[in-house]
Every structure is written in C-alpha cells, then in structure tokens.
Amino acid sequence: SLLTSTIITVSSNHWLLAWFGLELNTLSILPAIMKSHHPRATEAATKYFLIQVTAAAMILLASMTNAWQTGQWTITHPTTTTTLMTTTAIMLKLGAAPMYMWYPHVLQGTTMNIAMLISTWQKIAPLALLYMTYNHLNHTTMLLLGLTSTMLGGWAGLNQTQLRTMMAFSSIAHMGWLITAMTLSPSLTTTTMMIYTLTTLATFMPLTTMNTLTTVGTMWPLSPITLVTTMVTLMSLGGLPPLTGFMPKWLILKELLSTGLPLFATMLLMSSLPSLYFYIRLAYMTMLTTPPTTTNTEYKWRLKTTQLKHTTPMITTSMLLLPMTTTLYTIT
C-alpha cells in the first residue's frame, strides 16, 4: 500500500486523486508504527495520524477552493490562495519548520526501521505535490522556510543523545536544503532528494539495534568494518567534503550564487555547521572513544561476527559519488 499510494500521488494530475494517495499513504504506515505494542508507539501513531489528517484536510480545502475559483481540478493551475494553503499543508506533512514539533516525538516513539521509512519514503509524495506546483510557488517564502528549517534542525539537534531524535532533526535540516533547492531548480531537487535518501539509509541501517550514542560504541567488537563505514557515512550525511553528502550542498550554493543571493548562501552555509558538528561528534563517539558507561547489551566478543552485506552498495555510493556530480546533475 505504501508503494501504491506514493505512485498514485506522484502520477496524478487531479487534486482529489493526489489527496486520495496521501490519505492512503498515511493509513498504510499507521499499522507499522503501532506494531511494537508500546504506549509510546500508540502515542506516536496517534500524533502522526492527527497531523497527517489535518494536512490532508487543508489540501482538500485548497483543492475545493481552486475548483470553485477556476472551475478545474488540475494540480498544475493553482491560484495564489490554493498555493499558499497547499504549501502550508505540505510543510506540515514534511515536518519542516516552523511546523516541526510533532516530528521528533513521532520518530522517538517508533522503531529505527519505521523512523527511516518516515524520514525517507514518506517524504516522496508531499515533495512530488510541491514539485507539481513549482511554477506558482512564492520563492521568497520558500527560501525563508528553507533557511528556518536548516537553522532549527541544526541547533535543536545539538543536545540530543537519542539516535531517532537526532535523525528527526537531521531530516528537518535536510528538508531546509530540499526546500531551497525547490525554488532554484526541479532537477536539483531530484538530485538532492536522491542523495539525502541514499545517505540516510546507508547511515542508519547499521544502527537499527542501537538507541543511544552510548551503545553505538559497542559495535566495534561485533563488526569493525561496519563501524568504520558508519563513521564515514555520518560525515557524508553532515555534508563534509569530499564525500557524497557534500554534492547537493555544493550545487545549491552554486545556484544561489549564480542567482545573485550571496548573503542567503552564506547564511544557509553557516546554519549547516551545527548539523555537521553533531554528526562529527557522533562519529567521534562511535569510532574514537569508548563509552564510559556499561550497557545492557550482550558481550559482543562472544557473538558471531556479522556483516551487513545488503548495505554495502548504499554505503559505497554515499561515500564515493562526488566525482560523478556532473553526470548525475545532467541525468536528473
């Protein structure tokens, strides 16, 4: 159902069909959120349902307003009022600033696998809807939303120790870069979304059994290679050159400078430093230090060493894709 609902929204040209796809997408993820049968999971599912339904109702109201004013239901011809309401609803669905408060709480109440799904796949349908209204977006408003998301995602993530909460604020910061790319070029948005999804999956898939920063350091006896690659992919997700995560930031800054926005580019670049800091801090605690407290995990040296072979292609591309920047940007 997740795949079907996303395809319906991405391929639709009618407001009601897109709304139906978004609602189906929401209802499909709810059983997965509540699968653990924990009170926190039930609370997270309730919050997610209320937020997504509110955003979908705003989109339905915007589409009805557009049909009343223009007499048509096509997504590519919205009015100014419809565009404003749709943008607000999509920001709420994405968990971007200033409507981001629900996002960390929902991710903290789910498992790491579901948190990855919400942070990657669930972003595609709302972004596709925003992509269709590209020609009618208010660029000044979108740039301000992007800068706000980047700043809040970076600064709020500094004092986090829970991996899922850190992933949430990282996603908010990356949404800021995606929203900024949306105002500059649709193809740049596609490239940024691909790199964000790839690096997020490659970074957090090896950490699915971990909950806090303290337990991440215990991976060393279990799989040293996985720990080393995790450290590098963390830096890539933070946008440290010359890794793959630096590619979308580099392209976005180039586009901002070419459009005559050097001050905004500087502010956006400075706002990404806190995100890079907590990623480097996480990599440092993971690789270069031993946690000072003991954990409840089993003795790793008594277990059979396992290698996560299914993550190898994603980890490799999340680290070594920067030389192919021109090719990827041309293709997308």
Protein backbone atom coordinates (compact mmCIF):
# COMPACT_ATOMS: atom_id res chain seq x y z
CA SER A 1 0.00 0.00 0.00
CA LEU A 2 2.89 2.38 0.68
CA LEU A 3 4.24 1.86 -2.82
CA THR A 4 0.80 2.12 -4.43
CA SER A 5 -0.18 5.30 -2.58
CA THR A 6 3.08 7.03 -3.44
CA ILE A 7 2.75 6.10 -7.11
CA ILE A 8 -0.85 7.39 -7.15
CA THR A 9 0.20 10.78 -5.76
CA VAL A 10 3.31 11.13 -7.92
CA SER A 11 1.49 10.24 -11.16
CA SER A 12 -1.74 12.15 -10.53
CA ASN A 13 -2.78 15.39 -12.19
CA HIS A 14 -6.06 15.73 -10.29
CA TRP A 15 -6.35 17.21 -6.81
CA LEU A 16 -8.73 14.54 -5.49
CA LEU A 17 -6.55 11.70 -6.77
CA ALA A 18 -3.47 13.23 -5.15
CA TRP A 19 -5.39 13.69 -1.90
CA PHE A 20 -6.52 10.07 -2.04
CA GLY A 21 -2.91 8.93 -2.47
CA LEU A 22 -1.76 10.98 0.52
CA GLU A 23 -4.53 9.59 2.73
CA LEU A 24 -3.78 6.02 1.64
CA ASN A 25 -0.12 6.68 2.38
CA THR A 26 -0.95 7.79 5.91
CA LEU A 27 -3.23 4.83 6.63
CA SER A 28 -0.61 2.39 5.29
CA ILE A 29 2.14 3.46 7.69
CA LEU A 30 0.00 3.54 10.86
CA PRO A 31 -0.03 -0.26 11.49
CA ALA A 32 3.76 -0.31 11.14
CA ILE A 33 4.13 2.47 13.72
CA MET A 34 1.89 0.62 16.22
CA LYS A 35 3.49 -2.77 15.60
CA SER A 36 5.62 -2.74 18.78
CA HIS A 37 2.51 -2.57 21.07
CA HIS A 38 4.14 0.01 23.31
CA PRO A 39 2.40 3.08 24.77
CA ARG A 40 4.99 5.31 23.10
CA ALA A 41 4.22 3.68 19.75
CA THR A 42 0.48 4.23 20.22
CA GLU A 43 1.11 7.85 21.12
CA ALA A 44 3.36 8.30 18.08
CA ALA A 45 0.76 6.74 15.77
CA THR A 46 -1.97 9.00 17.18
CA LYS A 47 0.14 12.13 16.73
CA TYR A 48 1.15 11.09 13.22
CA PHE A 49 -2.46 10.38 12.26
CA LEU A 50 -3.78 13.71 13.59
CA ILE A 51 -1.04 15.74 11.89
CA GLN A 52 -1.34 13.98 8.54
CA VAL A 53 -5.14 14.15 8.54
CA THR A 54 -5.02 17.87 9.33
CA ALA A 55 -2.62 18.47 6.45
CA ALA A 56 -4.73 16.35 4.09
CA ALA A 57 -7.86 18.30 5.09
CA MET A 58 -6.04 21.54 4.27
CA ILE A 59 -5.07 20.15 0.86
CA LEU A 60 -8.67 19.07 0.22
CA LEU A 61 -9.93 22.52 1.20
CA ALA A 62 -7.33 24.14 -1.05
CA SER A 63 -8.35 21.95 -4.00
CA MET A 64 -12.04 22.73 -3.50
CA THR A 65 -11.23 26.45 -3.30
CA ASN A 66 -9.23 26.16 -6.50
CA ALA A 67 -12.08 24.34 -8.27
CA TRP A 68 -14.55 26.96 -7.09
CA GLN A 69 -12.40 29.86 -8.32
CA THR A 70 -11.08 28.41 -11.59
CA GLY A 71 -13.55 25.65 -12.43
CA GLN A 72 -10.87 22.97 -12.82
CA TRP A 73 -9.21 20.33 -10.62
CA THR A 74 -5.77 20.16 -12.25
CA ILE A 75 -2.79 20.48 -9.90
CA THR A 76 -0.66 22.48 -12.32
CA HIS A 77 -3.01 25.50 -12.38
CA PRO A 78 -3.49 26.59 -8.76
CA THR A 79 -4.49 30.05 -7.61
CA THR A 80 -2.44 32.10 -5.16
CA THR A 81 -4.68 31.11 -2.24
CA THR A 82 -4.53 27.45 -3.19
CA THR A 83 -0.75 27.56 -3.48
CA LEU A 84 -0.39 29.15 -0.04
CA MET A 85 -2.69 26.62 1.63
CA THR A 86 -1.06 23.70 -0.16
CA THR A 87 2.44 24.87 0.77
CA THR A 88 1.43 25.17 4.43
CA ALA A 89 -0.10 21.68 4.41
CA ILE A 90 2.95 20.14 2.73
CA MET A 91 5.30 21.80 5.23
CA LEU A 92 3.17 20.24 7.98
CA LYS A 93 3.36 16.84 6.32
CA LEU A 94 7.12 17.06 5.82
CA GLY A 95 7.79 18.18 9.38
CA ALA A 96 9.62 21.27 8.16
CA ALA A 97 9.94 24.46 10.21
CA PRO A 98 8.02 26.12 11.70
CA MET A 99 5.62 23.11 11.91
CA TYR A 100 8.16 20.57 13.04
CA MET A 101 7.36 19.92 16.73
CA TRP A 102 5.46 16.67 16.08
CA TYR A 103 8.22 15.08 14.04
CA PRO A 104 10.86 14.25 16.73
CA HIS A 105 8.18 12.89 19.08
CA VAL A 106 6.78 10.56 16.42
CA LEU A 107 10.20 9.22 15.46
CA GLN A 108 11.17 8.71 19.09
CA GLY A 109 8.09 6.56 19.64
CA THR A 110 8.82 4.21 16.72
CA THR A 111 11.49 1.66 15.90
CA MET A 112 14.57 2.64 13.93
CA ASN A 113 13.32 0.90 10.77
CA ILE A 114 9.99 2.76 10.82
CA ALA A 115 11.81 6.01 11.62
CA MET A 116 13.93 5.52 8.50
CA LEU A 117 10.78 4.85 6.47
CA ILE A 118 9.10 8.03 7.73
CA SER A 119 12.27 10.05 7.09
CA THR A 120 12.77 8.83 3.52
CA TRP A 121 9.88 7.18 1.67
CA GLN A 122 7.11 9.19 3.32
CA LYS A 123 8.71 12.41 2.04
CA ILE A 124 8.33 11.49 -1.63
CA ALA A 125 4.58 12.04 -2.09
CA PRO A 126 4.38 15.51 -0.44
CA LEU A 127 7.50 16.66 -2.26
CA ALA A 128 6.05 15.43 -5.56
CA LEU A 129 2.93 17.52 -4.92
CA LEU A 130 5.10 20.54 -4.16
CA TYR A 131 7.11 19.76 -7.29
CA MET A 132 3.96 19.96 -9.46
CA THR A 133 3.18 23.49 -8.22
CA TYR A 134 6.76 24.68 -8.77
CA ASN A 135 5.87 27.48 -11.21
CA HIS A 136 3.40 29.05 -8.78
CA LEU A 137 5.47 28.97 -5.58
CA ASN A 138 6.45 32.16 -3.78
CA HIS A 139 10.23 31.94 -3.91
CA THR A 140 10.83 34.38 -1.05
CA THR A 141 8.58 32.41 1.28
CA MET A 142 10.16 29.12 0.26
CA LEU A 143 13.68 30.43 0.82
CA LEU A 144 12.75 31.69 4.29
CA LEU A 145 11.16 28.33 5.15
CA GLY A 146 14.27 26.55 3.92
CA LEU A 147 16.62 28.72 5.97
CA THR A 148 14.44 28.37 9.08
CA SER A 149 14.34 24.58 8.75
CA THR A 150 18.10 24.37 8.32
CA MET A 151 18.76 26.57 11.35
CA LEU A 152 16.25 24.84 13.65
CA GLY A 153 17.29 21.35 12.57
CA GLY A 154 20.93 22.10 13.29
CA TRP A 155 20.63 23.94 16.59
CA ALA A 156 17.91 21.72 18.08
CA GLY A 157 19.90 18.58 17.30
CA LEU A 158 22.95 19.67 19.26
CA ASN A 159 21.77 18.48 22.67
CA GLN A 160 20.24 15.18 21.53
CA THR A 161 21.54 11.77 22.60
CA GLN A 162 18.77 9.56 21.18
CA LEU A 163 19.55 8.37 17.66
CA ARG A 164 15.96 8.60 16.41
CA THR A 165 15.57 12.16 17.70
CA MET A 166 18.88 13.06 16.11
CA MET A 167 17.64 11.55 12.85
CA ALA A 168 14.50 13.67 13.12
CA PHE A 169 16.36 16.96 13.48
CA SER A 170 18.77 15.88 10.75
CA SER A 171 15.77 15.29 8.48
CA ILE A 172 14.38 18.74 9.34
CA ALA A 173 17.71 20.34 8.41
CA HIS A 174 17.87 18.41 5.14
CA MET A 175 14.29 19.43 4.36
CA GLY A 176 15.55 23.02 4.53
CA TRP A 177 18.09 22.28 1.82
CA LEU A 178 15.43 20.49 -0.24
CA ILE A 179 13.00 23.41 0.03
CA THR A 180 15.77 25.80 -1.01
CA ALA A 181 16.62 23.57 -3.98
CA MET A 182 12.93 23.54 -4.94
CA THR A 183 12.99 27.30 -5.52
CA LEU A 184 16.09 27.08 -7.70
CA SER A 185 15.69 24.06 -9.96
CA PRO A 186 13.43 20.98 -10.06
CA SER A 187 16.28 18.80 -11.32
CA LEU A 188 18.45 19.96 -8.43
CA THR A 189 15.63 18.98 -6.05
CA THR A 190 15.59 15.46 -7.51
CA THR A 191 19.35 15.11 -7.08
CA THR A 192 19.20 16.41 -3.51
CA MET A 193 16.38 14.03 -2.57
CA MET A 194 18.22 11.05 -4.06
CA ILE A 195 21.42 11.82 -2.17
CA TYR A 196 19.55 12.51 1.08
CA THR A 197 17.65 9.21 0.89
CA LEU A 198 20.76 7.25 0.00
CA THR A 199 22.96 8.68 2.75
CA THR A 200 20.22 8.44 5.41
CA LEU A 201 19.59 4.76 4.67
CA ALA A 202 23.31 3.97 4.49
CA THR A 203 23.96 5.74 7.79
CA PHE A 204 21.16 4.43 9.97
CA MET A 205 20.59 0.91 8.63
CA PRO A 206 23.65 -0.46 10.52
CA LEU A 207 22.32 1.25 13.68
CA THR A 208 18.88 -0.37 13.74
CA THR A 209 19.61 -2.18 17.02
CA MET A 210 21.02 0.93 18.74
CA ASN A 211 19.04 3.53 20.69
CA THR A 212 21.54 5.98 22.19
CA LEU A 213 25.01 7.32 21.48
CA THR A 214 26.39 5.28 24.36
CA THR A 215 25.51 1.94 22.79
CA VAL A 216 26.84 2.84 19.34
CA GLY A 217 30.44 2.40 20.51
CA THR A 218 29.75 -1.24 21.35
CA MET A 219 29.63 -2.07 17.62
CA TRP A 220 33.42 -2.31 17.40
CA PRO A 221 33.84 -5.93 18.62
CA LEU A 222 30.80 -7.00 16.60
CA SER A 223 31.85 -5.58 13.23
CA PRO A 224 34.84 -3.22 12.95
CA ILE A 225 34.32 -2.63 9.22
CA THR A 226 30.70 -1.64 9.76
CA LEU A 227 31.75 0.80 12.48
CA VAL A 228 34.34 2.46 10.24
CA THR A 229 31.94 2.82 7.32
CA THR A 230 29.25 4.14 9.68
CA MET A 231 31.61 6.87 10.84
CA VAL A 232 32.37 7.91 7.26
CA THR A 233 28.71 7.88 6.21
CA LEU A 234 27.84 10.03 9.23
CA MET A 235 30.29 12.63 7.98
CA SER A 236 28.82 12.27 4.49
CA LEU A 237 25.32 12.90 5.85
CA GLY A 238 26.66 16.02 7.54
CA GLY A 239 27.93 17.30 4.20
CA LEU A 240 31.67 17.04 4.81
CA PRO A 241 33.73 17.21 1.59
CA PRO A 242 34.87 15.24 -0.36
CA LEU A 243 32.07 12.77 0.46
CA THR A 244 28.79 12.34 -1.42
CA GLY A 245 26.74 14.38 1.05
CA PHE A 246 28.66 17.49 0.06
CA MET A 247 27.37 17.26 -3.53
CA PRO A 248 23.83 18.69 -3.10
CA LYS A 249 25.03 21.48 -0.80
CA TRP A 250 27.72 22.40 -3.30
CA LEU A 251 25.22 22.53 -6.18
CA ILE A 252 22.65 24.51 -4.16
CA LEU A 253 25.25 27.07 -3.09
CA LYS A 254 26.41 27.39 -6.70
CA GLU A 255 22.85 28.04 -7.87
CA LEU A 256 22.28 30.61 -5.11
CA LEU A 257 25.44 32.48 -6.06
CA SER A 258 24.54 32.40 -9.76
CA THR A 259 21.10 33.89 -9.00
CA GLY A 260 22.61 36.78 -7.03
CA LEU A 261 21.94 35.62 -3.47
CA PRO A 262 25.39 35.54 -1.83
CA LEU A 263 24.12 36.69 1.59
CA PHE A 264 21.46 33.99 1.71
CA ALA A 265 24.01 31.39 0.58
CA THR A 266 26.35 32.43 3.41
CA MET A 267 23.55 32.24 5.99
CA LEU A 268 22.48 28.81 4.71
CA LEU A 269 26.06 27.57 4.83
CA MET A 270 26.58 28.86 8.38
CA SER A 271 23.31 27.27 9.53
CA SER A 272 24.54 23.86 8.38
CA LEU A 273 27.57 23.94 10.69
CA PRO A 274 25.66 22.78 13.82
CA SER A 275 24.40 19.74 11.89
CA LEU A 276 27.93 18.93 10.78
CA TYR A 277 29.11 19.34 14.36
CA PHE A 278 26.73 16.81 15.88
CA TYR A 279 27.46 14.35 13.10
CA ILE A 280 31.19 14.66 13.71
CA ARG A 281 30.52 14.31 17.45
CA LEU A 282 28.53 11.14 16.79
CA ALA A 283 31.32 9.80 14.54
CA TYR A 284 33.89 10.64 17.22
CA MET A 285 31.96 8.84 19.94
CA THR A 286 31.37 5.91 17.63
CA MET A 287 34.90 5.36 16.38
CA LEU A 288 37.49 7.11 18.51
CA THR A 289 36.26 6.75 22.09
CA THR A 290 34.92 4.02 24.32
CA PRO A 291 31.67 4.83 26.12
CA PRO A 292 32.39 5.43 29.82
CA THR A 293 29.26 3.57 31.00
CA THR A 294 28.35 -0.07 30.65
CA THR A 295 25.32 -1.16 28.69
CA ASN A 296 22.83 -3.97 28.96
CA THR A 297 23.86 -5.45 25.62
CA GLU A 298 25.32 -8.94 25.42
CA TYR A 299 29.07 -9.45 25.31
CA LYS A 300 29.90 -8.75 21.70
CA TRP A 301 33.08 -10.84 21.59
CA ARG A 302 31.05 -13.96 22.37
CA LEU A 303 28.79 -13.47 19.39
CA LYS A 304 29.40 -14.44 15.80
CA THR A 305 30.68 -11.55 13.73
CA THR A 306 28.09 -10.48 11.17
CA GLN A 307 28.49 -8.35 8.08
CA LEU A 308 25.61 -6.28 6.73
CA LYS A 309 26.16 -7.13 3.07
CA HIS A 310 22.90 -5.57 1.89
CA THR A 311 24.14 -2.11 2.93
CA THR A 312 27.43 -2.32 1.01
CA PRO A 313 26.22 -0.68 -2.25
CA MET A 314 24.48 2.16 -0.40
CA ILE A 315 27.46 2.81 1.86
CA THR A 316 29.84 2.83 -1.11
CA THR A 317 27.77 5.29 -3.13
CA SER A 318 27.14 7.50 -0.09
CA MET A 319 30.90 7.98 0.22
CA LEU A 320 32.28 7.95 -3.33
CA LEU A 321 29.67 9.63 -5.56
CA LEU A 322 31.11 13.16 -5.58
CA PRO A 323 33.26 12.69 -8.76
CA MET A 324 30.04 11.86 -10.66
CA THR A 325 28.38 15.16 -9.78
CA THR A 326 28.20 16.45 -13.35
CA THR A 327 26.81 13.18 -14.68
CA LEU A 328 24.09 12.89 -12.03
CA TYR A 329 23.06 16.53 -12.36
CA THR A 330 22.80 16.15 -16.14
CA ILE A 331 20.72 12.96 -15.91
CA THR A 332 18.21 14.33 -13.38
